[in-house]
């Protein structure tokens, strides 16, 4: 059973969604970093579930994913 996040955004699902879209479009972490202004190292941590993104990065990433925050 998944654990509940302390925040309102499920960062694990956000990371999964980023990876799915990135891989489906054949993009590297650097490509997504350039498109979102979120560093590749931060993206890697989010995708791997080891990082909790700041609100401004969540906004950039959900806009890139075209999903509501």
PDB file of N, CA and C in Angstrom:
ATOM      1  N   UNK A   1       0.848  -1.182   0.000  1.00  0.00           N
ATOM      2  CA  UNK A   1       0.000   0.000   0.000  1.00  0.00           C
ATOM      3  C   UNK A   1       0.889   1.239   0.000  1.00  0.00           C
ATOM      4  N   UNK A   2       0.615   2.215  -0.892  1.00  0.00           N
ATOM      5  CA  UNK A   2       1.450   3.399  -0.948  1.00  0.00           C
ATOM      6  C   UNK A   2       1.331   4.230   0.324  1.00  0.00           C
ATOM      7  N   UNK A   3       2.416   4.891   0.643  1.00  0.00           N
ATOM      8  CA  UNK A   3       2.392   5.770   1.808  1.00  0.00           C
ATOM      9  C   UNK A   3       1.868   7.128   1.403  1.00  0.00           C
ATOM     10  N   UNK A   4       1.270   7.803   2.335  1.00  0.00           N
ATOM     11  CA  UNK A   4       0.710   9.123   2.070  1.00  0.00           C
ATOM     12  C   UNK A   4       1.805  10.175   2.222  1.00  0.00           C
ATOM     13  N   UNK A   5       1.877  11.063   1.243  1.00  0.00           N
ATOM     14  CA  UNK A   5       2.825  12.169   1.286  1.00  0.00           C
ATOM     15  C   UNK A   5       2.374  13.208   2.296  1.00  0.00           C
ATOM     16  N   UNK A   6       3.316  13.897   2.896  1.00  0.00           N
ATOM     17  CA  UNK A   6       2.968  14.988   3.811  1.00  0.00           C
ATOM     18  C   UNK A   6       2.411  16.180   3.045  1.00  0.00           C
ATOM     19  N   UNK A   7       2.863  16.368   1.801  1.00  0.00           N
ATOM     20  CA  UNK A   7       2.414  17.499   1.011  1.00  0.00           C
ATOM     21  C   UNK A   7       1.180  17.150   0.209  1.00  0.00           C
ATOM     22  N   UNK A   8       0.713  18.114  -0.555  1.00  0.00           N
ATOM     23  CA  UNK A   8      -0.474  17.908  -1.365  1.00  0.00           C
ATOM     24  C   UNK A   8      -0.156  17.211  -2.675  1.00  0.00           C
ATOM     25  N   UNK A   9       1.098  17.292  -3.117  1.00  0.00           N
ATOM     26  CA  UNK A   9       1.503  16.693  -4.371  1.00  0.00           C
ATOM     27  C   UNK A   9       2.134  15.340  -4.091  1.00  0.00           C
ATOM     28  N   UNK A  10       1.688  14.328  -4.800  1.00  0.00           N
ATOM     29  CA  UNK A  10       2.282  13.011  -4.676  1.00  0.00           C
ATOM     30  C   UNK A  10       3.561  13.015  -5.497  1.00  0.00           C
ATOM     31  N   UNK A  11       4.695  13.231  -4.822  1.00  0.00           N
ATOM     32  CA  UNK A  11       5.966  13.379  -5.533  1.00  0.00           C
ATOM     33  C   UNK A  11       6.415  12.075  -6.188  1.00  0.00           C
ATOM     34  N   UNK A  12       6.028  10.942  -5.633  1.00  0.00           N
ATOM     35  CA  UNK A  12       6.378   9.680  -6.277  1.00  0.00           C
ATOM     36  C   UNK A  12       5.679   9.549  -7.623  1.00  0.00           C
ATOM     37  N   UNK A  13       4.397   9.891  -7.665  1.00  0.00           N
ATOM     38  CA  UNK A  13       3.657   9.825  -8.926  1.00  0.00           C
ATOM     39  C   UNK A  13       4.155  10.888  -9.903  1.00  0.00           C
ATOM     40  N   UNK A  14       4.525  12.052  -9.404  1.00  0.00           N
ATOM     41  CA  UNK A  14       5.092  13.088 -10.263  1.00  0.00           C
ATOM     42  C   UNK A  14       6.356  12.565 -10.932  1.00  0.00           C
ATOM     43  N   UNK A  15       7.222  11.942 -10.167  1.00  0.00           N
ATOM     44  CA  UNK A  15       8.454  11.388 -10.721  1.00  0.00           C
ATOM     45  C   UNK A  15       8.181  10.320 -11.768  1.00  0.00           C
ATOM     46  N   UNK A  16       7.220   9.460 -11.495  1.00  0.00           N
ATOM     47  CA  UNK A  16       6.856   8.413 -12.469  1.00  0.00           C
ATOM     48  C   UNK A  16       6.318   9.034 -13.761  1.00  0.00           C
ATOM     49  N   UNK A  17       5.495  10.061 -13.609  1.00  0.00           N
ATOM     50  CA  UNK A  17       4.908  10.712 -14.787  1.00  0.00           C
ATOM     51  C   UNK A  17       5.984  11.393 -15.624  1.00  0.00           C
ATOM     52  N   UNK A  18       6.934  12.036 -14.968  1.00  0.00           N
ATOM     53  CA  UNK A  18       8.026  12.692 -15.689  1.00  0.00           C
ATOM     54  C   UNK A  18       8.815  11.651 -16.473  1.00  0.00           C
ATOM     55  N   UNK A  19       9.178  10.552 -15.813  1.00  0.00           N
ATOM     56  CA  UNK A  19       9.957   9.506 -16.487  1.00  0.00           C
ATOM     57  C   UNK A  19       9.183   8.914 -17.661  1.00  0.00           C
ATOM     58  N   UNK A  20       7.886   8.633 -17.466  1.00  0.00           N
ATOM     59  CA  UNK A  20       7.081   8.056 -18.557  1.00  0.00           C
ATOM     60  C   UNK A  20       7.081   8.976 -19.774  1.00  0.00           C
ATOM     61  N   UNK A  21       6.812  10.265 -19.551  1.00  0.00           N
ATOM     62  CA  UNK A  21       6.757  11.205 -20.678  1.00  0.00           C
ATOM     63  C   UNK A  21       8.131  11.367 -21.306  1.00  0.00           C
ATOM     64  N   UNK A  22       9.144  11.497 -20.483  1.00  0.00           N
ATOM     65  CA  UNK A  22      10.500  11.694 -20.986  1.00  0.00           C
ATOM     66  C   UNK A  22      10.919  10.518 -21.865  1.00  0.00           C
ATOM     67  N   UNK A  23      10.701   9.303 -21.384  1.00  0.00           N
ATOM     68  CA  UNK A  23      11.088   8.117 -22.147  1.00  0.00           C
ATOM     69  C   UNK A  23      10.226   7.945 -23.395  1.00  0.00           C
ATOM     70  N   UNK A  24       8.932   8.238 -23.292  1.00  0.00           N
ATOM     71  CA  UNK A  24       8.036   8.112 -24.449  1.00  0.00           C
ATOM     72  C   UNK A  24       8.434   9.072 -25.566  1.00  0.00           C
ATOM     73  N   UNK A  25       8.966  10.238 -25.179  1.00  0.00           N
ATOM     74  CA  UNK A  25       9.364  11.228 -26.174  1.00  0.00           C
ATOM     75  C   UNK A  25      10.842  11.125 -26.537  1.00  0.00           C
ATOM     76  N   UNK A  26      11.546  10.153 -25.943  1.00  0.00           N
ATOM     77  CA  UNK A  26      12.959   9.957 -26.261  1.00  0.00           C
ATOM     78  C   UNK A  26      13.847  11.086 -25.795  1.00  0.00           C
ATOM     79  N   UNK A  27      13.492  11.689 -24.665  1.00  0.00           N
ATOM     80  CA  UNK A  27      14.240  12.828 -24.155  1.00  0.00           C
ATOM     81  C   UNK A  27      15.208  12.410 -23.052  1.00  0.00           C
ATOM     82  N   UNK A  28      16.308  13.130 -22.951  1.00  0.00           N
ATOM     83  CA  UNK A  28      17.254  12.917 -21.857  1.00  0.00           C
ATOM     84  C   UNK A  28      16.843  13.815 -20.683  1.00  0.00           C
ATOM     85  N   UNK A  29      17.448  13.562 -19.544  1.00  0.00           N
ATOM     86  CA  UNK A  29      17.218  14.450 -18.392  1.00  0.00           C
ATOM     87  C   UNK A  29      17.625  15.873 -18.747  1.00  0.00           C
ATOM     88  N   UNK A  30      18.713  16.024 -19.490  1.00  0.00           N
ATOM     89  CA  UNK A  30      19.181  17.362 -19.897  1.00  0.00           C
ATOM     90  C   UNK A  30      18.144  18.044 -20.777  1.00  0.00           C
ATOM     91  N   UNK A  31      17.508  17.303 -21.680  1.00  0.00           N
ATOM     92  CA  UNK A  31      16.468  17.881 -22.541  1.00  0.00           C
ATOM     93  C   UNK A  31      15.324  18.436 -21.698  1.00  0.00           C
ATOM     94  N   UNK A  32      14.876  17.667 -20.719  1.00  0.00           N
ATOM     95  CA  UNK A  32      13.779  18.104 -19.861  1.00  0.00           C
ATOM     96  C   UNK A  32      14.243  19.269 -18.985  1.00  0.00           C
ATOM     97  N   UNK A  33      15.466  19.206 -18.512  1.00  0.00           N
ATOM     98  CA  UNK A  33      16.010  20.299 -17.705  1.00  0.00           C
ATOM     99  C   UNK A  33      16.001  21.602 -18.500  1.00  0.00           C
ATOM    100  N   UNK A  34      16.428  21.529 -19.750  1.00  0.00           N
ATOM    101  CA  UNK A  34      16.435  22.727 -20.597  1.00  0.00           C
ATOM    102  C   UNK A  34      15.022  23.255 -20.848  1.00  0.00           C
ATOM    103  N   UNK A  35      14.068  22.348 -21.006  1.00  0.00           N
ATOM    104  CA  UNK A  35      12.686  22.747 -21.293  1.00  0.00           C
ATOM    105  C   UNK A  35      11.964  23.297 -20.078  1.00  0.00           C
ATOM    106  N   UNK A  36      12.365  22.863 -18.872  1.00  0.00           N
ATOM    107  CA  UNK A  36      11.622  23.229 -17.663  1.00  0.00           C
ATOM    108  C   UNK A  36      12.364  24.178 -16.733  1.00  0.00           C
ATOM    109  N   UNK A  37      13.650  24.363 -16.971  1.00  0.00           N
ATOM    110  CA  UNK A  37      14.493  25.166 -16.082  1.00  0.00           C
ATOM    111  C   UNK A  37      14.598  24.534 -14.685  1.00  0.00           C
ATOM    112  N   UNK A  38      14.531  23.205 -14.651  1.00  0.00           N
ATOM    113  CA  UNK A  38      14.755  22.417 -13.437  1.00  0.00           C
ATOM    114  C   UNK A  38      16.018  21.614 -13.708  1.00  0.00           C
ATOM    115  N   UNK A  39      16.973  21.625 -12.801  1.00  0.00           N
ATOM    116  CA  UNK A  39      18.250  20.971 -13.074  1.00  0.00           C
ATOM    117  C   UNK A  39      18.085  19.472 -13.307  1.00  0.00           C
ATOM    118  N   UNK A  40      18.989  18.922 -14.120  1.00  0.00           N
ATOM    119  CA  UNK A  40      18.963  17.492 -14.412  1.00  0.00           C
ATOM    120  C   UNK A  40      19.144  16.670 -13.145  1.00  0.00           C
ATOM    121  N   UNK A  41      19.977  17.139 -12.224  1.00  0.00           N
ATOM    122  CA  UNK A  41      20.179  16.382 -10.978  1.00  0.00           C
ATOM    123  C   UNK A  41      18.905  16.383 -10.131  1.00  0.00           C
ATOM    124  N   UNK A  42      18.182  17.490 -10.111  1.00  0.00           N
ATOM    125  CA  UNK A  42      16.911  17.545  -9.389  1.00  0.00           C
ATOM    126  C   UNK A  42      15.892  16.625 -10.050  1.00  0.00           C
ATOM    127  N   UNK A  43      15.841  16.643 -11.374  1.00  0.00           N
ATOM    128  CA  UNK A  43      14.931  15.756 -12.093  1.00  0.00           C
ATOM    129  C   UNK A  43      15.234  14.298 -11.784  1.00  0.00           C
ATOM    130  N   UNK A  44      16.503  13.946 -11.755  1.00  0.00           N
ATOM    131  CA  UNK A  44      16.898  12.575 -11.459  1.00  0.00           C
ATOM    132  C   UNK A  44      16.419  12.152 -10.070  1.00  0.00           C
ATOM    133  N   UNK A  45      16.603  13.032  -9.095  1.00  0.00           N
ATOM    134  CA  UNK A  45      16.153  12.723  -7.734  1.00  0.00           C
ATOM    135  C   UNK A  45      14.640  12.576  -7.667  1.00  0.00           C
ATOM    136  N   UNK A  46      13.913  13.422  -8.381  1.00  0.00           N
ATOM    137  CA  UNK A  46      12.455  13.329  -8.391  1.00  0.00           C
ATOM    138  C   UNK A  46      12.020  12.019  -9.047  1.00  0.00           C
ATOM    139  N   UNK A  47      12.617  11.702 -10.191  1.00  0.00           N
ATOM    140  CA  UNK A  47      12.265  10.452 -10.880  1.00  0.00           C
ATOM    141  C   UNK A  47      12.548   9.231 -10.016  1.00  0.00           C
ATOM    142  N   UNK A  48      13.625   9.281  -9.250  1.00  0.00           N
ATOM    143  CA  UNK A  48      14.013   8.132  -8.425  1.00  0.00           C
ATOM    144  C   UNK A  48      13.334   8.125  -7.061  1.00  0.00           C
ATOM    145  N   UNK A  49      12.536   9.136  -6.790  1.00  0.00           N
ATOM    146  CA  UNK A  49      11.806   9.185  -5.526  1.00  0.00           C
ATOM    147  C   UNK A  49      12.654   9.560  -4.324  1.00  0.00           C
ATOM    148  N   UNK A  50      13.829  10.138  -4.569  1.00  0.00           N
ATOM    149  CA  UNK A  50      14.709  10.498  -3.457  1.00  0.00           C
ATOM    150  C   UNK A  50      14.722  11.993  -3.178  1.00  0.00           C
ATOM    151  N   UNK A  51      14.001  12.759  -3.969  1.00  0.00           N
ATOM    152  CA  UNK A  51      13.983  14.204  -3.765  1.00  0.00           C
ATOM    153  C   UNK A  51      12.575  14.740  -3.664  1.00  0.00           C
ATOM    154  N   UNK A  52      12.413  15.769  -2.887  1.00  0.00           N
ATOM    155  CA  UNK A  52      11.123  16.461  -2.768  1.00  0.00           C
ATOM    156  C   UNK A  52      11.280  17.826  -3.441  1.00  0.00           C
ATOM    157  N   UNK A  53      10.611  18.017  -4.568  1.00  0.00           N
ATOM    158  CA  UNK A  53      10.773  19.267  -5.306  1.00  0.00           C
ATOM    159  C   UNK A  53      10.142  20.456  -4.589  1.00  0.00           C
ATOM    160  N   UNK A  54      10.745  21.606  -4.811  1.00  0.00           N
ATOM    161  CA  UNK A  54      10.182  22.857  -4.293  1.00  0.00           C
ATOM    162  C   UNK A  54       8.971  23.235  -5.139  1.00  0.00           C
ATOM    163  N   UNK A  55       8.140  24.107  -4.587  1.00  0.00           N
ATOM    164  CA  UNK A  55       6.883  24.485  -5.240  1.00  0.00           C
ATOM    165  C   UNK A  55       7.097  25.043  -6.647  1.00  0.00           C
ATOM    166  N   UNK A  56       8.120  25.872  -6.837  1.00  0.00           N
ATOM    167  CA  UNK A  56       8.342  26.438  -8.171  1.00  0.00           C
ATOM    168  C   UNK A  56       8.717  25.357  -9.179  1.00  0.00           C
ATOM    169  N   UNK A  57       9.469  24.363  -8.738  1.00  0.00           N
ATOM    170  CA  UNK A  57       9.805  23.255  -9.638  1.00  0.00           C
ATOM    171  C   UNK A  57       8.585  22.391  -9.931  1.00  0.00           C
ATOM    172  N   UNK A  58       7.735  22.186  -8.943  1.00  0.00           N
ATOM    173  CA  UNK A  58       6.495  21.435  -9.172  1.00  0.00           C
ATOM    174  C   UNK A  58       5.656  22.149 -10.227  1.00  0.00           C
ATOM    175  N   UNK A  59       5.560  23.463 -10.119  1.00  0.00           N
ATOM    176  CA  UNK A  59       4.781  24.235 -11.084  1.00  0.00           C
ATOM    177  C   UNK A  59       5.355  24.083 -12.491  1.00  0.00           C
ATOM    178  N   UNK A  60       6.670  24.170 -12.621  1.00  0.00           N
ATOM    179  CA  UNK A  60       7.301  24.024 -13.940  1.00  0.00           C
ATOM    180  C   UNK A  60       7.065  22.631 -14.508  1.00  0.00           C
ATOM    181  N   UNK A  61       7.200  21.622 -13.664  1.00  0.00           N
ATOM    182  CA  UNK A  61       7.081  20.243 -14.132  1.00  0.00           C
ATOM    183  C   UNK A  61       5.644  19.863 -14.471  1.00  0.00           C
ATOM    184  N   UNK A  62       4.694  20.314 -13.680  1.00  0.00           N
ATOM    185  CA  UNK A  62       3.294  20.008 -14.009  1.00  0.00           C
ATOM    186  C   UNK A  62       2.877  20.738 -15.277  1.00  0.00           C
ATOM    187  N   UNK A  63       3.436  21.937 -15.511  1.00  0.00           N
ATOM    188  CA  UNK A  63       3.153  22.642 -16.763  1.00  0.00           C
ATOM    189  C   UNK A  63       3.734  21.851 -17.944  1.00  0.00           C
ATOM    190  N   UNK A  64       4.957  21.336 -17.790  1.00  0.00           N
ATOM    191  CA  UNK A  64       5.579  20.532 -18.848  1.00  0.00           C
ATOM    192  C   UNK A  64       4.774  19.260 -19.111  1.00  0.00           C
ATOM    193  N   UNK A  65       4.260  18.662 -18.045  1.00  0.00           N
ATOM    194  CA  UNK A  65       3.443  17.458 -18.173  1.00  0.00           C
ATOM    195  C   UNK A  65       2.042  17.769 -18.678  1.00  0.00           C
ATOM    196  N   UNK A  66       1.651  19.040 -18.619  1.00  0.00           N
ATOM    197  CA  UNK A  66       0.310  19.488 -18.986  1.00  0.00           C
ATOM    198  C   UNK A  66      -0.745  18.839 -18.093  1.00  0.00           C
ATOM    199  N   UNK A  67      -0.462  18.843 -16.786  1.00  0.00           N
ATOM    200  CA  UNK A  67      -1.405  18.347 -15.790  1.00  0.00           C
ATOM    201  C   UNK A  67      -1.595  19.422 -14.721  1.00  0.00           C
ATOM    202  N   UNK A  68      -2.757  19.442 -14.081  1.00  0.00           N
ATOM    203  CA  UNK A  68      -2.953  20.443 -13.005  1.00  0.00           C
ATOM    204  C   UNK A  68      -2.102  20.123 -11.782  1.00  0.00           C
ATOM    205  N   UNK A  69      -1.729  21.158 -11.083  1.00  0.00           N
ATOM    206  CA  UNK A  69      -0.970  20.994  -9.856  1.00  0.00           C
ATOM    207  C   UNK A  69      -1.842  20.358  -8.818  1.00  0.00           C
TER     208      UNK A  69
END
